[in-house]
PDB file of N, CA and C in Angstrom:
ATOM      1  N   MET A   1     103.486  76.280  69.692  1.00  0.00           N
ATOM      2  CA  MET A   1     103.149  76.878  70.850  1.00  0.00           C
ATOM      3  C   MET A   1     103.106  75.639  72.374  1.00  0.00           C
ATOM      4  N   ALA A   2     103.907  75.676  72.689  1.00  0.00           N
ATOM      5  CA  ALA A   2     103.873  74.731  73.999  1.00  0.00           C
ATOM      6  C   ALA A   2     102.749  74.606  74.887  1.00  0.00           C
ATOM      7  N   LYS A   3     102.257  73.896  75.169  1.00  0.00           N
ATOM      8  CA  LYS A   3     101.159  73.522  75.995  1.00  0.00           C
ATOM      9  C   LYS A   3     101.449  73.487  77.460  1.00  0.00           C
ATOM     10  N   ILE A   4     100.656  73.644  78.499  1.00  0.00           N
ATOM     11  CA  ILE A   4     100.950  73.648  79.687  1.00  0.00           C
ATOM     12  C   ILE A   4     100.090  73.220  80.067  1.00  0.00           C
ATOM     13  N   VAL A   5     100.720  72.021  81.215  1.00  0.00           N
ATOM     14  CA  VAL A   5     100.139  71.217  82.210  1.00  0.00           C
ATOM     15  C   VAL A   5     100.310  70.891  83.319  1.00  0.00           C
ATOM     16  N   ALA A   6      99.544  70.672  83.886  1.00  0.00           N
ATOM     17  CA  ALA A   6      99.820  70.435  85.533  1.00  0.00           C
ATOM     18  C   ALA A   6     100.663  69.086  85.725  1.00  0.00           C
ATOM     19  N   VAL A   7     101.084  69.059  86.894  1.00  0.00           N
ATOM     20  CA  VAL A   7     101.774  67.783  86.896  1.00  0.00           C
ATOM     21  C   VAL A   7     100.553  67.012  87.419  1.00  0.00           C
ATOM     22  N   THR A   8     100.008  67.107  88.374  1.00  0.00           N
ATOM     23  CA  THR A   8      98.994  66.470  88.627  1.00  0.00           C
ATOM     24  C   THR A   8      97.834  66.050  87.882  1.00  0.00           C
ATOM     25  N   ASP A   9      97.854  66.489  86.577  1.00  0.00           N
ATOM     26  CA  ASP A   9      96.681  66.198  85.412  1.00  0.00           C
ATOM     27  C   ASP A   9      97.790  65.112  84.980  1.00  0.00           C
ATOM     28  N   VAL A  10      98.735  64.758  84.872  1.00  0.00           N
ATOM     29  CA  VAL A  10      99.555  63.495  84.417  1.00  0.00           C
ATOM     30  C   VAL A  10      99.714  62.473  85.515  1.00  0.00           C
ATOM     31  N   CYS A  11     100.162  62.945  86.386  1.00  0.00           N
ATOM     32  CA  CYS A  11     100.512  61.422  87.862  1.00  0.00           C
ATOM     33  C   CYS A  11      99.615  62.027  88.992  1.00  0.00           C
ATOM     34  N   LYS A  12      99.114  60.857  89.239  1.00  0.00           N
ATOM     35  CA  LYS A  12      98.500  61.392  90.626  1.00  0.00           C
ATOM     36  C   LYS A  12      98.770  60.720  91.670  1.00  0.00           C
ATOM     37  N   THR A  13      99.910  59.831  91.602  1.00  0.00           N
ATOM     38  CA  THR A  13     100.611  59.125  92.570  1.00  0.00           C
ATOM     39  C   THR A  13     101.837  59.250  92.932  1.00  0.00           C
ATOM     40  N   LEU A  14     102.870  59.274  94.114  1.00  0.00           N
ATOM     41  CA  LEU A  14     104.355  59.299  93.869  1.00  0.00           C
ATOM     42  C   LEU A  14     104.308  57.899  92.897  1.00  0.00           C
ATOM     43  N   ALA A  15     104.022  56.919  93.287  1.00  0.00           N
ATOM     44  CA  ALA A  15     104.174  55.485  93.007  1.00  0.00           C
ATOM     45  C   ALA A  15     104.175  55.647  91.183  1.00  0.00           C
ATOM     46  N   GLU A  16     103.401  56.450  90.677  1.00  0.00           N
ATOM     47  CA  GLU A  16     102.830  56.617  89.698  1.00  0.00           C
ATOM     48  C   GLU A  16     104.267  57.485  88.718  1.00  0.00           C
ATOM     49  N   VAL A  17     104.554  58.537  89.793  1.00  0.00           N
ATOM     50  CA  VAL A  17     105.526  59.211  89.025  1.00  0.00           C
ATOM     51  C   VAL A  17     107.401  57.938  88.680  1.00  0.00           C
ATOM     52  N   GLU A  18     107.249  57.456  89.785  1.00  0.00           N
ATOM     53  CA  GLU A  18     108.291  56.427  90.156  1.00  0.00           C
ATOM     54  C   GLU A  18     108.251  55.673  88.584  1.00  0.00           C
ATOM     55  N   THR A  19     107.071  55.192  88.647  1.00  0.00           N
ATOM     56  CA  THR A  19     106.866  54.147  87.486  1.00  0.00           C
ATOM     57  C   THR A  19     107.044  54.739  86.105  1.00  0.00           C
ATOM     58  N   ARG A  20     106.474  55.762  85.700  1.00  0.00           N
ATOM     59  CA  ARG A  20     106.495  56.792  84.455  1.00  0.00           C
ATOM     60  C   ARG A  20     107.783  56.633  83.989  1.00  0.00           C
ATOM     61  N   PHE A  21     108.577  57.710  85.209  1.00  0.00           N
ATOM     62  CA  PHE A  21     109.610  58.428  84.947  1.00  0.00           C
ATOM     63  C   PHE A  21     110.858  57.522  85.179  1.00  0.00           C
ATOM     64  N   GLY A  22     110.885  56.512  86.002  1.00  0.00           N
ATOM     65  CA  GLY A  22     112.158  55.554  86.419  1.00  0.00           C
ATOM     66  C   GLY A  22     112.682  55.882  87.281  1.00  0.00           C
ATOM     67  N   LEU A  23     112.354  56.881  88.018  1.00  0.00           N
ATOM     68  CA  LEU A  23     112.870  57.856  89.159  1.00  0.00           C
ATOM     69  C   LEU A  23     113.012  56.739  90.597  1.00  0.00           C
ATOM     70  N   SER A  24     113.909  57.160  91.128  1.00  0.00           N
ATOM     71  CA  SER A  24     113.584  56.613  92.918  1.00  0.00           C
ATOM     72  C   SER A  24     114.053  57.536  93.561  1.00  0.00           C
ATOM     73  N   GLN A  25     113.647  57.153  94.960  1.00  0.00           N
ATOM     74  CA  GLN A  25     114.379  58.101  96.040  1.00  0.00           C
ATOM     75  C   GLN A  25     115.628  57.858  96.116  1.00  0.00           C
ATOM     76  N   SER A  26     116.451  58.902  96.417  1.00  0.00           N
ATOM     77  CA  SER A  26     117.718  58.884  97.074  1.00  0.00           C
ATOM     78  C   SER A  26     117.403  59.080  98.520  1.00  0.00           C
ATOM     79  N   GLU A  27     118.812  57.903  99.187  1.00  0.00           N
ATOM     80  CA  GLU A  27     118.551  58.246 100.895  1.00  0.00           C
ATOM     81  C   GLU A  27     120.506  58.722 100.284  1.00  0.00           C
ATOM     82  N   ALA A  28     120.664  59.026  99.552  1.00  0.00           N
ATOM     83  CA  ALA A  28     122.210  59.069  99.517  1.00  0.00           C
ATOM     84  C   ALA A  28     123.021  60.254 100.448  1.00  0.00           C
ATOM     85  N   PRO A  29     123.760  60.495 101.313  1.00  0.00           N
ATOM     86  CA  PRO A  29     124.270  61.445 101.830  1.00  0.00           C
ATOM     87  C   PRO A  29     124.710  62.624 101.570  1.00  0.00           C
ATOM     88  N   GLU A  30     125.273  62.394 100.386  1.00  0.00           N
ATOM     89  CA  GLU A  30     125.425  63.291  99.292  1.00  0.00           C
ATOM     90  C   GLU A  30     124.717  64.443  98.439  1.00  0.00           C
ATOM     91  N   PHE A  31     123.303  63.831  98.669  1.00  0.00           N
ATOM     92  CA  PHE A  31     122.255  64.298  98.110  1.00  0.00           C
ATOM     93  C   PHE A  31     121.795  65.643  99.074  1.00  0.00           C
ATOM     94  N   PHE A  32     122.134  66.787  98.258  1.00  0.00           N
ATOM     95  CA  PHE A  32     121.596  68.235  99.588  1.00  0.00           C
ATOM     96  C   PHE A  32     122.578  68.208 100.269  1.00  0.00           C
ATOM     97  N   PRO A  33     124.009  68.249 100.315  1.00  0.00           N
ATOM     98  CA  PRO A  33     124.390  68.450 101.817  1.00  0.00           C
ATOM     99  C   PRO A  33     124.182  69.412 103.137  1.00  0.00           C
ATOM    100  N   GLU A  34     123.986  70.231 101.592  1.00  0.00           N
ATOM    101  CA  GLU A  34     123.446  71.534 103.071  1.00  0.00           C
ATOM    102  C   GLU A  34     122.292  71.433 103.772  1.00  0.00           C
ATOM    103  N   TRP A  35     121.615  70.475 103.717  1.00  0.00           N
ATOM    104  CA  TRP A  35     120.704  69.782 104.403  1.00  0.00           C
ATOM    105  C   TRP A  35     120.835  68.906 105.672  1.00  0.00           C
ATOM    106  N   ARG A  36     122.049  68.710 105.647  1.00  0.00           N
ATOM    107  CA  ARG A  36     122.432  67.558 106.667  1.00  0.00           C
ATOM    108  C   ARG A  36     123.583  68.330 107.611  1.00  0.00           C
ATOM    109  N   ASP A  37     124.471  69.353 106.834  1.00  0.00           N
ATOM    110  CA  ASP A  37     125.589  69.935 107.220  1.00  0.00           C
ATOM    111  C   ASP A  37     125.322  70.812 108.751  1.00  0.00           C
ATOM    112  N   HIS A  38     126.194  70.698 109.825  1.00  0.00           N
ATOM    113  CA  HIS A  38     126.081  71.552 110.778  1.00  0.00           C
ATOM    114  C   HIS A  38     124.587  71.289 111.645  1.00  0.00           C
ATOM    115  N   LEU A  39     124.649  70.172 111.727  1.00  0.00           N
ATOM    116  CA  LEU A  39     123.171  69.608 112.621  1.00  0.00           C
ATOM    117  C   LEU A  39     123.901  69.116 114.002  1.00  0.00           C
ATOM    118  N   PRO A  40     122.980  69.291 114.908  1.00  0.00           N
ATOM    119  CA  PRO A  40     123.596  68.742 116.284  1.00  0.00           C
ATOM    120  C   PRO A  40     123.360  66.927 116.017  1.00  0.00           C
ATOM    121  N   THR A  41     123.964  66.524 116.743  1.00  0.00           N
ATOM    122  CA  THR A  41     123.993  64.846 116.537  1.00  0.00           C
ATOM    123  C   THR A  41     122.351  64.366 117.671  1.00  0.00           C
ATOM    124  N   LEU A  42     121.940  63.528 116.554  1.00  0.00           N
ATOM    125  CA  LEU A  42     120.652  62.581 117.488  1.00  0.00           C
ATOM    126  C   LEU A  42     121.086  61.401 118.028  1.00  0.00           C
ATOM    127  N   THR A  43     120.313  61.337 118.938  1.00  0.00           N
ATOM    128  CA  THR A  43     120.554  59.940 119.803  1.00  0.00           C
ATOM    129  C   THR A  43     120.039  59.318 119.003  1.00  0.00           C
ATOM    130  N   GLU A  44     120.129  57.618 119.479  1.00  0.00           N
ATOM    131  CA  GLU A  44     119.973  56.665 118.579  1.00  0.00           C
ATOM    132  C   GLU A  44     118.275  56.523 118.543  1.00  0.00           C
ATOM    133  N   PRO A  45     117.625  56.407 119.977  1.00  0.00           N
ATOM    134  CA  PRO A  45     116.232  56.707 120.041  1.00  0.00           C
ATOM    135  C   PRO A  45     115.667  57.534 119.163  1.00  0.00           C
ATOM    136  N   GLU A  46     116.602  58.848 119.127  1.00  0.00           N
ATOM    137  CA  GLU A  46     115.913  59.950 118.570  1.00  0.00           C
ATOM    138  C   GLU A  46     116.023  59.300 116.840  1.00  0.00           C
ATOM    139  N   CYS A  47     116.801  58.542 116.417  1.00  0.00           N
ATOM    140  CA  CYS A  47     116.996  58.442 114.928  1.00  0.00           C
ATOM    141  C   CYS A  47     115.891  57.517 114.661  1.00  0.00           C
ATOM    142  N   ASP A  48     115.721  56.680 115.573  1.00  0.00           N
ATOM    143  CA  ASP A  48     114.845  55.295 115.428  1.00  0.00           C
ATOM    144  C   ASP A  48     113.383  55.994 115.255  1.00  0.00           C
ATOM    145  N   ARG A  49     112.924  56.598 116.268  1.00  0.00           N
ATOM    146  CA  ARG A  49     111.335  57.663 115.926  1.00  0.00           C
ATOM    147  C   ARG A  49     111.713  58.448 114.584  1.00  0.00           C
ATOM    148  N   LEU A  50     112.928  59.030 114.321  1.00  0.00           N
ATOM    149  CA  LEU A  50     112.668  59.852 112.808  1.00  0.00           C
ATOM    150  C   LEU A  50     112.386  58.699 111.569  1.00  0.00           C
ATOM    151  N   ARG A  51     112.982  57.653 111.625  1.00  0.00           N
ATOM    152  CA  ARG A  51     113.042  56.335 110.882  1.00  0.00           C
ATOM    153  C   ARG A  51     111.584  56.043 110.429  1.00  0.00           C
ATOM    154  N   ILE A  52     110.677  55.653 111.627  1.00  0.00           N
ATOM    155  CA  ILE A  52     109.638  55.595 111.535  1.00  0.00           C
ATOM    156  C   ILE A  52     108.373  56.370 111.190  1.00  0.00           C
ATOM    157  N   ILE A  53     108.830  57.717 111.556  1.00  0.00           N
ATOM    158  CA  ILE A  53     107.677  58.632 111.200  1.00  0.00           C
ATOM    159  C   ILE A  53     108.131  58.862 109.696  1.00  0.00           C
ATOM    160  N   TRP A  54     109.303  58.482 109.089  1.00  0.00           N
ATOM    161  CA  TRP A  54     109.565  58.908 108.018  1.00  0.00           C
ATOM    162  C   TRP A  54     109.084  57.445 106.652  1.00  0.00           C
ATOM    163  N   GLN A  55     109.022  56.496 107.707  1.00  0.00           N
ATOM    164  CA  GLN A  55     108.652  54.693 106.900  1.00  0.00           C
ATOM    165  C   GLN A  55     106.641  55.320 106.796  1.00  0.00           C
ATOM    166  N   ARG A  56     106.520  55.753 107.801  1.00  0.00           N
ATOM    167  CA  ARG A  56     105.071  55.994 108.089  1.00  0.00           C
ATOM    168  C   ARG A  56     104.333  56.750 106.797  1.00  0.00           C
ATOM    169  N   LEU A  57     105.205  58.003 106.898  1.00  0.00           N
ATOM    170  CA  LEU A  57     104.982  59.032 105.990  1.00  0.00           C
ATOM    171  C   LEU A  57     104.675  58.609 104.294  1.00  0.00           C
ATOM    172  N   ARG A  58     105.874  57.826 103.739  1.00  0.00           N
ATOM    173  CA  ARG A  58     106.248  56.827 102.913  1.00  0.00           C
ATOM    174  C   ARG A  58     104.943  56.173 102.366  1.00  0.00           C
ATOM    175  N   TYR A  59     104.739  55.220 103.626  1.00  0.00           N
ATOM    176  CA  TYR A  59     103.809  54.193 103.058  1.00  0.00           C
ATOM    177  C   TYR A  59     102.385  55.036 102.727  1.00  0.00           C
ATOM    178  N   HIS A  60     102.189  55.906 103.781  1.00  0.00           N
ATOM    179  CA  HIS A  60     100.577  56.662 103.570  1.00  0.00           C
ATOM    180  C   HIS A  60     100.769  57.358 102.628  1.00  0.00           C
ATOM    181  N   ARG A  61     101.723  58.073 101.899  1.00  0.00           N
ATOM    182  CA  ARG A  61     101.752  59.062 100.998  1.00  0.00           C
ATOM    183  C   ARG A  61     101.961  58.290  99.442  1.00  0.00           C
ATOM    184  N   ALA A  62     102.481  57.072  99.473  1.00  0.00           N
ATOM    185  CA  ALA A  62     102.708  56.367  98.373  1.00  0.00           C
ATOM    186  C   ALA A  62     101.540  55.830  97.040  1.00  0.00           C
ATOM    187  N   ASP A  63     100.274  56.037  97.710  1.00  0.00           N
ATOM    188  CA  ASP A  63      99.139  55.659  96.886  1.00  0.00           C
ATOM    189  C   ASP A  63      97.982  57.178  96.681  1.00  0.00           C
ATOM    190  N   GLY A  64      98.796  58.310  96.665  1.00  0.00           N
ATOM    191  CA  GLY A  64      97.990  59.597  96.880  1.00  0.00           C
ATOM    192  C   GLY A  64      98.211  60.726  97.611  1.00  0.00           C
ATOM    193  N   ASP A  65      97.481  61.499  97.232  1.00  0.00           N
ATOM    194  CA  ASP A  65      97.892  62.820  98.186  1.00  0.00           C
ATOM    195  C   ASP A  65      97.489  62.445  99.401  1.00  0.00           C
ATOM    196  N   LEU A  66      97.829  63.129 100.638  1.00  0.00           N
ATOM    197  CA  LEU A  66      97.227  63.075 101.759  1.00  0.00           C
ATOM    198  C   LEU A  66      96.945  64.719 102.729  1.00  0.00           C
ATOM    199  N   LEU A  67      95.440  64.659 103.295  1.00  0.00           N
ATOM    200  CA  LEU A  67      95.011  66.117 103.439  1.00  0.00           C
ATOM    201  C   LEU A  67      95.822  66.092 104.935  1.00  0.00           C
ATOM    202  N   GLU A  68      95.743  67.504 105.115  1.00  0.00           N
ATOM    203  CA  GLU A  68      96.676  68.411 106.171  1.00  0.00           C
ATOM    204  C   GLU A  68      96.384  67.740 107.429  1.00  0.00           C
ATOM    205  N   GLY A  69      95.123  67.347 107.779  1.00  0.00           N
ATOM    206  CA  GLY A  69      94.943  66.585 108.886  1.00  0.00           C
ATOM    207  C   GLY A  69      95.937  65.052 108.937  1.00  0.00           C
ATOM    208  N   ALA A  70      95.747  64.482 107.893  1.00  0.00           N
ATOM    209  CA  ALA A  70      96.287  62.825 108.289  1.00  0.00           C
ATOM    210  C   ALA A  70      98.260  63.760 108.118  1.00  0.00           C
ATOM    211  N   VAL A  71      98.918  64.744 107.636  1.00  0.00           N
ATOM    212  CA  VAL A  71     100.013  65.037 107.653  1.00  0.00           C
ATOM    213  C   VAL A  71     100.259  65.216 109.163  1.00  0.00           C
ATOM    214  N   MET A  72      99.641  66.065 109.546  1.00  0.00           N
ATOM    215  CA  MET A  72      99.669  66.345 111.216  1.00  0.00           C
ATOM    216  C   MET A  72      99.291  65.222 111.925  1.00  0.00           C
ATOM    217  N   LEU A  73      98.835  64.313 112.090  1.00  0.00           N
ATOM    218  CA  LEU A  73      99.058  63.159 112.502  1.00  0.00           C
ATOM    219  C   LEU A  73     100.088  62.667 112.595  1.00  0.00           C
ATOM    220  N   LEU A  74     100.798  62.312 111.329  1.00  0.00           N
ATOM    221  CA  LEU A  74     101.478  61.094 110.861  1.00  0.00           C
ATOM    222  C   LEU A  74     102.873  62.178 111.109  1.00  0.00           C
ATOM    223  N   VAL A  75     103.209  63.120 110.825  1.00  0.00           N
ATOM    224  CA  VAL A  75     104.113  63.925 110.633  1.00  0.00           C
ATOM    225  C   VAL A  75     104.854  65.214 111.681  1.00  0.00           C
ATOM    226  N   ALA A  76     103.853  66.133 111.622  1.00  0.00           N
ATOM    227  CA  ALA A  76     104.241  67.384 112.543  1.00  0.00           C
ATOM    228  C   ALA A  76     103.860  67.040 113.919  1.00  0.00           C
ATOM    229  N   SER A  77     102.952  66.572 114.059  1.00  0.00           N
ATOM    230  CA  SER A  77     102.713  66.149 115.821  1.00  0.00           C
ATOM    231  C   SER A  77     104.112  65.400 116.580  1.00  0.00           C
ATOM    232  N   PRO A  78     104.594  64.239 115.436  1.00  0.00           N
ATOM    233  CA  PRO A  78     105.434  63.101 116.150  1.00  0.00           C
ATOM    234  C   PRO A  78     106.681  64.110 116.266  1.00  0.00           C
ATOM    235  N   LEU A  79     106.985  64.976 114.788  1.00  0.00           N
ATOM    236  CA  LEU A  79     108.228  66.199 114.910  1.00  0.00           C
ATOM    237  C   LEU A  79     108.114  66.943 116.417  1.00  0.00           C
ATOM    238  N   LEU A  80     107.221  67.198 116.381  1.00  0.00           N
ATOM    239  CA  LEU A  80     106.950  68.560 117.326  1.00  0.00           C
ATOM    240  C   LEU A  80     107.531  67.835 118.833  1.00  0.00           C
ATOM    241  N   GLU A  81     106.959  66.637 118.940  1.00  0.00           N
ATOM    242  CA  GLU A  81     107.259  65.671 120.305  1.00  0.00           C
ATOM    243  C   GLU A  81     108.830  65.052 120.416  1.00  0.00           C
ATOM    244  N   VAL A  82     109.298  65.449 119.319  1.00  0.00           N
ATOM    245  CA  VAL A  82     110.851  64.689 119.041  1.00  0.00           C
ATOM    246  C   VAL A  82     111.885  66.021 119.513  1.00  0.00           C
ATOM    247  N   ALA A  83     111.264  66.972 119.020  1.00  0.00           N
ATOM    248  CA  ALA A  83     112.121  68.114 119.177  1.00  0.00           C
ATOM    249  C   ALA A  83     111.535  68.796 120.424  1.00  0.00           C
ATOM    250  N   GLY A  84     110.749  68.563 121.249  1.00  0.00           N
ATOM    251  CA  GLY A  84     110.704  69.017 122.916  1.00  0.00           C
ATOM    252  C   GLY A  84     109.541  70.012 122.673  1.00  0.00           C
ATOM    253  N   PHE A  85     109.168  70.254 121.884  1.00  0.00           N
ATOM    254  CA  PHE A  85     108.195  71.580 121.350  1.00  0.00           C
ATOM    255  C   PHE A  85     106.861  71.440 122.298  1.00  0.00           C
ATOM    256  N   TYR A  86     106.309  69.970 122.831  1.00  0.00           N
ATOM    257  CA  TYR A  86     105.064  70.113 123.980  1.00  0.00           C
ATOM    258  C   TYR A  86     105.479  70.086 125.437  1.00  0.00           C
ATOM    259  N   ASP A  87     107.030  70.277 125.702  1.00  0.00           N
ATOM    260  CA  ASP A  87     107.624  70.295 127.087  1.00  0.00           C
ATOM    261  C   ASP A  87     107.682  71.983 127.264  1.00  0.00           C
ATOM    262  N   SER A  88     108.375  72.149 128.679  1.00  0.00           N
ATOM    263  CA  SER A  88     108.279  73.732 129.086  1.00  0.00           C
ATOM    264  C   SER A  88     109.617  73.755 128.511  1.00  0.00           C
ATOM    265  N   PRO A  89     110.138  74.951 127.805  1.00  0.00           N
ATOM    266  CA  PRO A  89     109.236  76.705 128.451  1.00  0.00           C
ATOM    267  C   PRO A  89     108.114  76.309 126.890  1.00  0.00           C
ATOM    268  N   PHE A  90     107.594  75.529 126.602  1.00  0.00           N
ATOM    269  CA  PHE A  90     106.774  75.828 125.673  1.00  0.00           C
ATOM    270  C   PHE A  90     105.403  75.616 126.007  1.00  0.00           C
ATOM    271  N   ARG A  91     104.090  75.962 125.230  1.00  0.00           N
ATOM    272  CA  ARG A  91     103.079  75.704 125.606  1.00  0.00           C
ATOM    273  C   ARG A  91     102.144  75.734 124.127  1.00  0.00           C
ATOM    274  N   LEU A  92     101.411  74.868 124.372  1.00  0.00           N
ATOM    275  CA  LEU A  92     100.501  74.833 123.484  1.00  0.00           C
ATOM    276  C   LEU A  92      99.301  75.704 123.313  1.00  0.00           C
ATOM    277  N   LYS A  93      98.773  75.775 122.161  1.00  0.00           N
ATOM    278  CA  LYS A  93      97.756  77.141 121.977  1.00  0.00           C
ATOM    279  C   LYS A  93      96.974  76.962 120.963  1.00  0.00           C
ATOM    280  N   ALA A  94      95.623  76.312 120.535  1.00  0.00           N
ATOM    281  CA  ALA A  94      94.986  76.692 119.830  1.00  0.00           C
ATOM    282  C   ALA A  94      93.981  77.448 119.497  1.00  0.00           C
ATOM    283  N   SER A  95      93.755  77.952 118.283  1.00  0.00           N
ATOM    284  CA  SER A  95      92.565  78.794 118.260  1.00  0.00           C
ATOM    285  C   SER A  95      91.742  78.219 117.295  1.00  0.00           C
ATOM    286  N   ASN A  96      90.214  78.309 117.433  1.00  0.00           N
ATOM    287  CA  ASN A  96      88.950  78.135 116.572  1.00  0.00           C
ATOM    288  C   ASN A  96      88.981  79.295 114.923  1.00  0.00           C
ATOM    289  N   ARG A  97      89.437  78.445 114.265  1.00  0.00           N
ATOM    290  CA  ARG A  97      89.236  79.309 113.028  1.00  0.00           C
ATOM    291  C   ARG A  97      88.290  80.285 112.912  1.00  0.00           C
ATOM    292  N   ARG A  98      86.815  79.588 113.244  1.00  0.00           N
ATOM    293  CA  ARG A  98      85.719  80.554 112.944  1.00  0.00           C
ATOM    294  C   ARG A  98      85.223  81.554 114.166  1.00  0.00           C
ATOM    295  N   ASN A  99      86.584  81.759 114.712  1.00  0.00           N
ATOM    296  CA  ASN A  99      85.521  82.423 115.939  1.00  0.00           C
ATOM    297  C   ASN A  99      87.208  83.955 115.917  1.00  0.00           C
ATOM    298  N   ARG A 100      87.652  83.806 114.978  1.00  0.00           N
ATOM    299  CA  ARG A 100      88.892  84.728 114.431  1.00  0.00           C
ATOM    300  C   ARG A 100      88.274  86.188 114.569  1.00  0.00           C
ATOM    301  N   GLY A 101      87.194  86.380 114.141  1.00  0.00           N
ATOM    302  CA  GLY A 101      86.594  87.676 113.710  1.00  0.00           C
ATOM    303  C   GLY A 101      86.926  88.368 112.360  1.00  0.00           C
ATOM    304  N   GLY A 102      86.685  89.358 111.816  1.00  0.00           N
ATOM    305  CA  GLY A 102      87.081  89.670 110.838  1.00  0.00           C
ATOM    306  C   GLY A 102      85.739  89.701 109.358  1.00  0.00           C
TER     307      GLY A 102
END
């Protein structure tokens, strides 16, 4: 009978996965082309900003998991800014989870 083991019990970091299994990240444009086809053209400053966000995420994620708050600071918030979701006509609303009733 096969033994089931969670991947997180075997490898704790991306660096460990890359070393143990001889893997490397692919940035080849032909990798998952459906993720890249039919997208609007980005400006050079937008591309620069996205490269910085990506580099930061890879740097901080390489040694282990990141908590939700760290991902929000490193990725989600900057992406929302680049996409213009902090500007009109959008409005930021937040709720206190403890006061949601129920």
